[in-house]
Amino acid sequence: MTVLTRWEPFREFVTLQDRMNRLFRDSQGGQEEALTTSTFAPPVDVYEDEHNITLKIEVPGIDEKDIDVRVENNTLTVHGERKFEKEEKEENYRRVERQYGSFTRTFTLPQTVDAENIQADYDKGVLKVKLAKKAEAKPKQIKVNVGSSNGGGQKTLDSKPAKSAGQAA
């Protein structure tokens, strides 16, 4: 299975620094600013079958108009923003665990993906991006001829289709 993640060695340090900054900001009383300026990276599931590579990105509470999906230079970029709702009647929050702010997730596409055939659907807080594979990247069935080369008594064996990664051997 092809992995579509870009390795960023300092991402954990940036996340740690963001959390430390938020901790100090919260202790100084800047509660509302801290709620609106945090960054987050929504979780992504990536799976592959013989025809597509599919990404499922959890983005609940984000309007579809606030999500931008682009492909440029063999890189898929998903950008969005979750805005902090100030319309709550109860302003005495004890704890806010949902993260607000903008996010950007980037994925380097393998050469097997057809960049002209990408589909994105948004339903119930999940963004599903289907990346179709190029025809030459799909598995092909090959007939194997068995028997002598003189043409008499030949048999043809059909190979079985390749099992996908999710099926047991």
C-alpha atoms as a PDB file:
ATOM      1  CA  MET A   1       0.000   0.000   0.000  1.00  0.00           C
ATOM      2  CA  THR A   2       1.281   3.458  -0.877  1.00  0.00           C
ATOM      3  CA  VAL A   3       1.579   5.965   1.960  1.00  0.00           C
ATOM      4  CA  LEU A   4       0.682   9.544   1.081  1.00  0.00           C
ATOM      5  CA  THR A   5       2.139  11.509   3.950  1.00  0.00           C
ATOM      6  CA  ARG A   6       4.839  14.106   3.779  1.00  0.00           C
ATOM      7  CA  TRP A   7       7.366  13.706   6.560  1.00  0.00           C
ATOM      8  CA  GLU A   8       7.811  16.881   8.540  1.00  0.00           C
ATOM      9  CA  PRO A   9      10.421  16.241  11.261  1.00  0.00           C
ATOM     10  CA  PHE A  10       9.671  19.389  13.241  1.00  0.00           C
ATOM     11  CA  ARG A  11       5.860  19.128  13.266  1.00  0.00           C
ATOM     12  CA  GLU A  12       5.875  17.609  16.765  1.00  0.00           C
ATOM     13  CA  PHE A  13       8.041  20.473  18.022  1.00  0.00           C
ATOM     14  CA  VAL A  14       5.723  23.053  16.485  1.00  0.00           C
ATOM     15  CA  THR A  15       2.729  21.333  18.090  1.00  0.00           C
ATOM     16  CA  LEU A  16       4.498  21.239  21.456  1.00  0.00           C
ATOM     17  CA  GLN A  17       5.423  24.920  21.137  1.00  0.00           C
ATOM     18  CA  ASP A  18       1.820  25.784  20.222  1.00  0.00           C
ATOM     19  CA  ARG A  19       0.513  23.943  23.276  1.00  0.00           C
ATOM     20  CA  MET A  20       3.046  25.622  25.563  1.00  0.00           C
ATOM     21  CA  ASN A  21       2.159  29.038  24.133  1.00  0.00           C
ATOM     22  CA  ARG A  22      -1.532  28.283  24.638  1.00  0.00           C
ATOM     23  CA  LEU A  23      -0.877  27.194  28.228  1.00  0.00           C
ATOM     24  CA  PHE A  24       0.890  30.473  29.059  1.00  0.00           C
ATOM     25  CA  ARG A  25      -1.694  32.552  27.179  1.00  0.00           C
ATOM     26  CA  ASP A  26      -4.531  30.824  29.067  1.00  0.00           C
ATOM     27  CA  SER A  27      -2.885  31.443  32.419  1.00  0.00           C
ATOM     28  CA  GLN A  28      -2.618  35.166  31.636  1.00  0.00           C
ATOM     29  CA  GLY A  29      -6.337  35.521  30.957  1.00  0.00           C
ATOM     30  CA  GLY A  30      -6.355  35.730  27.135  1.00  0.00           C
ATOM     31  CA  GLN A  31      -9.047  33.049  26.919  1.00  0.00           C
ATOM     32  CA  GLU A  32     -10.978  34.248  23.885  1.00  0.00           C
ATOM     33  CA  GLU A  33      -7.869  34.935  21.814  1.00  0.00           C
ATOM     34  CA  ALA A  34      -6.442  31.523  22.715  1.00  0.00           C
ATOM     35  CA  LEU A  35      -9.636  29.820  21.508  1.00  0.00           C
ATOM     36  CA  THR A  36      -9.586  31.497  18.117  1.00  0.00           C
ATOM     37  CA  THR A  37      -5.877  31.242  17.286  1.00  0.00           C
ATOM     38  CA  SER A  38      -5.008  27.603  17.932  1.00  0.00           C
ATOM     39  CA  THR A  39      -4.156  25.405  14.975  1.00  0.00           C
ATOM     40  CA  PHE A  40      -5.049  21.814  14.409  1.00  0.00           C
ATOM     41  CA  ALA A  41      -4.602  19.020  11.914  1.00  0.00           C
ATOM     42  CA  PRO A  42      -7.720  16.912  11.348  1.00  0.00           C
ATOM     43  CA  PRO A  43      -7.172  13.142  11.380  1.00  0.00           C
ATOM     44  CA  VAL A  44      -6.931  11.389   8.014  1.00  0.00           C
ATOM     45  CA  ASP A  45      -7.498   7.754   7.029  1.00  0.00           C
ATOM     46  CA  VAL A  46      -5.813   6.641   3.787  1.00  0.00           C
ATOM     47  CA  TYR A  47      -6.682   3.396   2.064  1.00  0.00           C
ATOM     48  CA  GLU A  48      -6.125   1.915  -1.359  1.00  0.00           C
ATOM     49  CA  ASP A  49      -7.846  -0.577  -3.636  1.00  0.00           C
ATOM     50  CA  GLU A  50      -7.045  -1.606  -7.201  1.00  0.00           C
ATOM     51  CA  HIS A  51      -8.788   1.432  -8.744  1.00  0.00           C
ATOM     52  CA  ASN A  52      -8.445   4.308  -6.233  1.00  0.00           C
ATOM     53  CA  ILE A  53      -6.573   5.776  -3.317  1.00  0.00           C
ATOM     54  CA  THR A  54      -9.075   7.277  -0.882  1.00  0.00           C
ATOM     55  CA  LEU A  55      -8.545   9.815   1.893  1.00  0.00           C
ATOM     56  CA  LYS A  56     -11.150  10.358   4.606  1.00  0.00           C
ATOM     57  CA  ILE A  57     -10.573  13.562   6.541  1.00  0.00           C
ATOM     58  CA  GLU A  58     -12.599  14.340   9.686  1.00  0.00           C
ATOM     59  CA  VAL A  59     -13.685  17.976   9.585  1.00  0.00           C
ATOM     60  CA  PRO A  60     -16.886  18.195  11.657  1.00  0.00           C
ATOM     61  CA  GLY A  61     -18.307  21.643  12.250  1.00  0.00           C
ATOM     62  CA  ILE A  62     -16.674  23.117   9.151  1.00  0.00           C
ATOM     63  CA  ASP A  63     -18.853  24.399   6.316  1.00  0.00           C
ATOM     64  CA  GLU A  64     -18.060  22.999   2.885  1.00  0.00           C
ATOM     65  CA  LYS A  65     -17.452  26.557   1.663  1.00  0.00           C
ATOM     66  CA  ASP A  66     -14.593  26.832   4.179  1.00  0.00           C
ATOM     67  CA  ILE A  67     -12.760  23.796   2.722  1.00  0.00           C
ATOM     68  CA  ASP A  68     -10.381  24.110  -0.228  1.00  0.00           C
ATOM     69  CA  VAL A  69      -8.982  21.033  -2.036  1.00  0.00           C
ATOM     70  CA  ARG A  70      -6.247  21.581  -4.659  1.00  0.00           C
ATOM     71  CA  VAL A  71      -3.775  19.540  -6.695  1.00  0.00           C
ATOM     72  CA  GLU A  72      -0.640  21.301  -7.825  1.00  0.00           C
ATOM     73  CA  ASN A  73       2.797  19.938  -8.782  1.00  0.00           C
ATOM     74  CA  ASN A  74       1.815  16.373  -7.808  1.00  0.00           C
ATOM     75  CA  THR A  75       0.768  17.529  -4.312  1.00  0.00           C
ATOM     76  CA  LEU A  76      -2.750  17.349  -2.865  1.00  0.00           C
ATOM     77  CA  THR A  77      -3.471  20.199  -0.437  1.00  0.00           C
ATOM     78  CA  VAL A  78      -6.538  20.368   1.811  1.00  0.00           C
ATOM     79  CA  HIS A  79      -7.042  23.704   3.576  1.00  0.00           C
ATOM     80  CA  GLY A  80      -9.898  24.760   5.817  1.00  0.00           C
ATOM     81  CA  GLU A  81     -10.946  26.754   8.834  1.00  0.00           C
ATOM     82  CA  ARG A  82     -13.135  26.070  11.851  1.00  0.00           C
ATOM     83  CA  LYS A  83     -14.436  29.358  13.195  1.00  0.00           C
ATOM     84  CA  PHE A  84     -15.142  29.932  16.877  1.00  0.00           C
ATOM     85  CA  GLU A  85     -18.853  30.534  17.418  1.00  0.00           C
ATOM     86  CA  LYS A  86     -19.419  33.533  19.684  1.00  0.00           C
ATOM     87  CA  GLU A  87     -23.209  33.159  19.643  1.00  0.00           C
ATOM     88  CA  GLU A  88     -23.294  30.867  22.691  1.00  0.00           C
ATOM     89  CA  LYS A  89     -25.512  32.144  25.484  1.00  0.00           C
ATOM     90  CA  GLU A  90     -23.367  30.367  28.098  1.00  0.00           C
ATOM     91  CA  GLU A  91     -20.081  32.270  28.025  1.00  0.00           C
ATOM     92  CA  ASN A  92     -18.762  30.762  31.252  1.00  0.00           C
ATOM     93  CA  TYR A  93     -16.922  27.874  29.678  1.00  0.00           C
ATOM     94  CA  ARG A  94     -15.273  25.492  32.089  1.00  0.00           C
ATOM     95  CA  ARG A  95     -13.368  23.684  29.400  1.00  0.00           C
ATOM     96  CA  VAL A  96     -13.037  23.980  25.630  1.00  0.00           C
ATOM     97  CA  GLU A  97     -11.510  20.933  23.964  1.00  0.00           C
ATOM     98  CA  ARG A  98     -12.545  21.472  20.364  1.00  0.00           C
ATOM     99  CA  GLN A  99      -9.840  23.180  18.370  1.00  0.00           C
ATOM    100  CA  TYR A 100     -10.497  26.229  16.242  1.00  0.00           C
ATOM    101  CA  GLY A 101      -8.539  27.968  13.544  1.00  0.00           C
ATOM    102  CA  SER A 102      -7.213  27.063  10.133  1.00  0.00           C
ATOM    103  CA  PHE A 103      -5.487  23.896   9.017  1.00  0.00           C
ATOM    104  CA  THR A 104      -3.555  22.709   6.002  1.00  0.00           C
ATOM    105  CA  ARG A 105      -2.795  19.073   5.186  1.00  0.00           C
ATOM    106  CA  THR A 106      -0.556  18.211   2.228  1.00  0.00           C
ATOM    107  CA  PHE A 107       0.025  14.843   0.596  1.00  0.00           C
ATOM    108  CA  THR A 108       2.573  13.984  -2.086  1.00  0.00           C
ATOM    109  CA  LEU A 109       0.801  11.957  -4.741  1.00  0.00           C
ATOM    110  CA  PRO A 110       2.424   8.821  -6.148  1.00  0.00           C
ATOM    111  CA  GLN A 111       3.046   8.635  -9.903  1.00  0.00           C
ATOM    112  CA  THR A 112       0.205   6.084 -10.211  1.00  0.00           C
ATOM    113  CA  VAL A 113      -2.491   8.721  -9.491  1.00  0.00           C
ATOM    114  CA  ASP A 114      -4.352  10.378 -12.359  1.00  0.00           C
ATOM    115  CA  ALA A 115      -4.314  14.047 -11.261  1.00  0.00           C
ATOM    116  CA  GLU A 116      -7.108  14.860 -13.756  1.00  0.00           C
ATOM    117  CA  ASN A 117      -9.522  12.355 -12.175  1.00  0.00           C
ATOM    118  CA  ILE A 118      -9.954  13.388  -8.530  1.00  0.00           C
ATOM    119  CA  GLN A 119     -13.305  13.581  -6.764  1.00  0.00           C
ATOM    120  CA  ALA A 120     -14.087  15.180  -3.363  1.00  0.00           C
ATOM    121  CA  ASP A 121     -17.332  14.659  -1.420  1.00  0.00           C
ATOM    122  CA  TYR A 122     -18.340  16.161   1.935  1.00  0.00           C
ATOM    123  CA  ASP A 123     -20.955  14.401   4.068  1.00  0.00           C
ATOM    124  CA  LYS A 124     -21.676  14.465   7.819  1.00  0.00           C
ATOM    125  CA  GLY A 125     -18.376  16.114   8.746  1.00  0.00           C
ATOM    126  CA  VAL A 126     -16.182  13.802   6.669  1.00  0.00           C
ATOM    127  CA  LEU A 127     -14.375  14.945   3.527  1.00  0.00           C
ATOM    128  CA  LYS A 128     -13.766  11.976   1.215  1.00  0.00           C
ATOM    129  CA  VAL A 129     -11.206  12.502  -1.560  1.00  0.00           C
ATOM    130  CA  LYS A 130     -10.970   9.752  -4.213  1.00  0.00           C
ATOM    131  CA  LEU A 131      -7.807   9.698  -6.278  1.00  0.00           C
ATOM    132  CA  ALA A 132      -8.236   7.502  -9.351  1.00  0.00           C
ATOM    133  CA  LYS A 133      -5.243   5.454 -10.451  1.00  0.00           C
ATOM    134  CA  LYS A 134      -3.894   5.652 -13.992  1.00  0.00           C
ATOM    135  CA  ALA A 135      -4.864   2.759 -16.258  1.00  0.00           C
ATOM    136  CA  GLU A 136      -1.272   1.500 -16.477  1.00  0.00           C
ATOM    137  CA  ALA A 137      -1.104   1.256 -12.668  1.00  0.00           C
ATOM    138  CA  LYS A 138      -4.093  -1.076 -12.373  1.00  0.00           C
ATOM    139  CA  PRO A 139      -3.492  -4.832 -12.137  1.00  0.00           C
ATOM    140  CA  LYS A 140      -3.903  -6.775 -15.384  1.00  0.00           C
ATOM    141  CA  GLN A 141      -4.920 -10.379 -15.944  1.00  0.00           C
ATOM    142  CA  ILE A 142      -2.493 -12.407 -18.031  1.00  0.00           C
ATOM    143  CA  LYS A 143      -3.321 -15.697 -19.759  1.00  0.00           C
ATOM    144  CA  VAL A 144      -0.698 -18.404 -19.375  1.00  0.00           C
ATOM    145  CA  ASN A 145      -0.418 -20.958 -22.173  1.00  0.00           C
ATOM    146  CA  VAL A 146       0.552 -24.487 -21.116  1.00  0.00           C
ATOM    147  CA  GLY A 147       1.707 -27.206 -23.461  1.00  0.00           C
ATOM    148  CA  SER A 148       4.170 -27.835 -26.243  1.00  0.00           C
ATOM    149  CA  SER A 149       5.131 -25.170 -28.738  1.00  0.00           C
ATOM    150  CA  ASN A 150       4.106 -27.322 -31.735  1.00  0.00           C
ATOM    151  CA  GLY A 151       0.475 -26.299 -31.305  1.00  0.00           C
ATOM    152  CA  GLY A 152      -0.973 -29.711 -30.455  1.00  0.00           C
ATOM    153  CA  GLY A 153      -2.820 -30.249 -27.186  1.00  0.00           C
ATOM    154  CA  GLN A 154      -2.330 -26.779 -25.717  1.00  0.00           C
ATOM    155  CA  LYS A 155      -4.221 -25.660 -22.624  1.00  0.00           C
ATOM    156  CA  THR A 156      -4.829 -22.108 -21.490  1.00  0.00           C
ATOM    157  CA  LEU A 157      -4.801 -21.262 -17.802  1.00  0.00           C
ATOM    158  CA  ASP A 158      -6.463 -18.070 -16.618  1.00  0.00           C
ATOM    159  CA  SER A 159      -4.630 -16.405 -13.760  1.00  0.00           C
ATOM    160  CA  LYS A 160      -6.674 -15.448 -10.750  1.00  0.00           C
ATOM    161  CA  PRO A 161      -7.192 -11.733 -10.053  1.00  0.00           C
ATOM    162  CA  ALA A 162      -4.758 -10.267  -7.558  1.00  0.00           C
ATOM    163  CA  LYS A 163      -6.129 -10.123  -4.041  1.00  0.00           C
ATOM    164  CA  SER A 164      -6.403  -6.678  -2.536  1.00  0.00           C
ATOM    165  CA  ALA A 165      -4.564  -5.799   0.672  1.00  0.00           C
ATOM    166  CA  GLY A 166      -7.751  -6.194   2.720  1.00  0.00           C
ATOM    167  CA  GLN A 167      -8.354  -9.838   1.755  1.00  0.00           C
ATOM    168  CA  ALA A 168      -6.758 -12.752   3.532  1.00  0.00           C
ATOM    169  CA  ALA A 169      -4.595 -15.178   1.580  1.00  0.00           C
END
